[in-house]
Amino acid sequence: MIITSITGKELEKSKSNSPEEFFNRSEVTFLDGKNEKTLAVLYVRYFDEKISEFSSFETEELFEVEGRLIHLREIVALLALKAHPEYAKRHRVYINDEVQFASLFKAIEKESLKTMVKKIVADGRLELNEQKV
């Protein structure tokens, strides 16, 4: 599986009674064989505030790569796909449980994640199966 891009977005209200403003969407685009697919992970924005409880990161602004500030919302889908390869068969995943969210950070080191993101941003590709963390 080859990761080609990662993005993240803070959702905004589309209707006055919509709860969208409480969520972030993280997307990872990848090649699965010859097919390009995108996995979207929707998660509760509150987890951004608690990131220091789940990982070694202090804030949702994680690190800088190639002059680009990488935010938590940009890497959640990448971590979800890495932790759960079966998500490659899905289009969307919803995470509203702290334990489930925290589990995404258990098997990865900060520097390893930074290396992964650097390959995606600089080279436009990351062979996920070969990554060791």
Protein backbone atom coordinates (compact mmCIF):
# COMPACT_ATOMS: atom_id res chain seq x y z
CA MET A 1 0.00 0.00 0.00
CA ILE A 2 1.43 3.36 -1.03
CA ILE A 3 0.33 6.49 0.83
CA THR A 4 0.22 9.48 -1.51
CA SER A 5 -1.23 12.28 0.65
CA ILE A 6 -2.58 13.26 4.05
CA THR A 7 -4.93 16.13 4.87
CA GLY A 8 -6.94 17.37 7.79
CA LYS A 9 -9.77 19.79 8.29
CA GLU A 10 -11.67 21.35 11.17
CA LEU A 11 -15.32 21.01 10.25
CA GLU A 12 -17.58 24.05 10.40
CA LYS A 13 -21.32 24.32 10.89
CA SER A 14 -23.26 23.97 7.67
CA LYS A 15 -26.59 24.49 9.43
CA SER A 16 -27.39 26.36 12.63
CA ASN A 17 -28.35 23.16 14.48
CA SER A 18 -25.45 21.08 13.13
CA PRO A 19 -22.86 19.62 15.54
CA GLU A 20 -20.14 19.62 12.84
CA GLU A 21 -18.06 22.27 14.60
CA PHE A 22 -17.17 19.68 17.26
CA PHE A 23 -15.41 17.36 14.80
CA ASN A 24 -12.28 17.11 12.68
CA ARG A 25 -11.85 15.12 9.48
CA SER A 26 -8.54 13.47 8.69
CA GLU A 27 -7.96 11.90 5.28
CA VAL A 28 -5.29 9.64 3.88
CA THR A 29 -5.14 8.89 0.16
CA PHE A 30 -3.41 5.70 -0.89
CA LEU A 31 -2.89 3.28 -3.74
CA ASP A 32 -4.18 -0.20 -3.00
CA GLY A 33 -2.93 -2.18 -5.96
CA LYS A 34 -3.83 0.01 -8.93
CA ASN A 35 -6.80 1.70 -7.26
CA GLU A 36 -6.56 5.09 -5.55
CA LYS A 37 -8.64 5.23 -2.38
CA THR A 38 -9.24 7.73 0.39
CA LEU A 39 -9.99 6.89 4.01
CA ALA A 40 -11.71 9.66 5.99
CA VAL A 41 -11.59 9.52 9.77
CA LEU A 42 -14.03 11.74 11.61
CA TYR A 43 -13.16 12.28 15.25
CA VAL A 44 -14.19 14.47 18.17
CA ARG A 45 -12.19 17.73 18.20
CA TYR A 46 -11.96 17.52 21.99
CA PHE A 47 -9.23 14.90 21.51
CA ASP A 48 -6.96 17.63 20.10
CA GLU A 49 -7.00 19.31 23.51
CA LYS A 50 -6.12 16.04 25.26
CA ILE A 51 -3.36 14.91 22.89
CA SER A 52 -0.70 15.05 25.62
CA GLU A 53 -2.63 12.35 27.51
CA PHE A 54 -2.62 10.02 24.47
CA SER A 55 0.87 10.57 23.09
CA SER A 56 4.25 12.24 23.52
CA PHE A 57 2.96 15.36 21.72
CA GLU A 58 2.12 18.42 23.80
CA THR A 59 -0.25 20.22 21.41
CA GLU A 60 -2.19 19.50 18.23
CA GLU A 61 0.55 21.32 16.30
CA LEU A 62 2.86 18.33 16.10
CA PHE A 63 5.97 19.28 14.12
CA GLU A 64 7.20 21.01 10.99
CA VAL A 65 8.12 19.18 7.79
CA GLU A 66 9.47 20.93 4.70
CA GLY A 67 8.29 24.28 6.05
CA ARG A 68 4.75 22.96 6.63
CA LEU A 69 3.29 22.80 10.13
CA ILE A 70 1.72 19.38 10.63
CA HIS A 71 -1.41 19.27 12.79
CA LEU A 72 -2.92 16.30 14.57
CA ARG A 73 -5.93 16.33 12.23
CA GLU A 74 -3.59 15.61 9.30
CA ILE A 75 -2.11 12.38 10.69
CA VAL A 76 -5.03 10.67 12.45
CA ALA A 77 -6.20 8.82 9.31
CA LEU A 78 -2.61 7.73 8.57
CA LEU A 79 -2.27 6.32 12.08
CA ALA A 80 -5.69 4.65 11.86
CA LEU A 81 -4.78 2.97 8.58
CA LYS A 82 -1.43 1.85 9.98
CA ALA A 83 -2.98 0.48 13.18
CA HIS A 84 -5.94 -1.09 11.36
CA PRO A 85 -5.00 -2.19 7.82
CA GLU A 86 -8.55 -3.50 7.38
CA TYR A 87 -9.69 0.14 7.19
CA ALA A 88 -8.32 0.14 3.63
CA LYS A 89 -11.61 -1.52 2.66
CA ARG A 90 -13.68 1.28 4.21
CA HIS A 91 -14.37 4.85 3.11
CA ARG A 92 -15.09 6.36 6.54
CA VAL A 93 -14.31 5.68 10.17
CA TYR A 94 -15.83 7.52 13.12
CA ILE A 95 -13.91 7.72 16.42
CA ASN A 96 -15.65 9.10 19.48
CA ASP A 97 -14.05 6.89 22.13
CA GLU A 98 -10.91 8.05 23.98
CA VAL A 99 -9.54 4.52 24.33
CA GLN A 100 -9.93 3.86 20.61
CA PHE A 101 -8.31 7.21 19.77
CA ALA A 102 -5.44 6.67 22.22
CA SER A 103 -4.73 3.23 20.73
CA LEU A 104 -3.68 4.90 17.46
CA PHE A 105 -0.60 6.32 19.23
CA LYS A 106 0.51 3.21 21.12
CA ALA A 107 2.58 1.55 18.42
CA ILE A 108 4.41 4.55 17.00
CA GLU A 109 7.33 6.71 18.05
CA LYS A 110 7.33 10.46 17.50
CA GLU A 111 10.42 10.40 15.24
CA SER A 112 9.10 7.47 13.22
CA LEU A 113 5.87 9.37 12.58
CA LYS A 114 7.83 12.45 11.56
CA THR A 115 9.87 10.34 9.10
CA MET A 116 6.67 8.87 7.62
CA VAL A 117 5.10 12.30 7.16
CA LYS A 118 8.30 13.70 5.68
CA LYS A 119 8.29 10.98 3.01
CA ILE A 120 4.67 11.76 2.13
CA VAL A 121 5.17 15.54 2.03
CA ALA A 122 8.59 15.59 0.33
CA ASP A 123 8.40 12.54 -1.94
CA GLY A 124 4.63 12.25 -2.40
CA ARG A 125 4.69 8.59 -1.41
CA LEU A 126 5.25 6.24 1.49
CA GLU A 127 5.26 2.46 1.26
CA LEU A 128 3.27 1.70 4.40
CA ASN A 129 3.98 -2.05 4.48
CA GLU A 130 7.73 -1.44 4.75
CA GLN A 131 7.50 1.03 7.65
CA LYS A 132 8.81 -0.29 10.93
CA VAL A 133 7.86 1.44 14.15
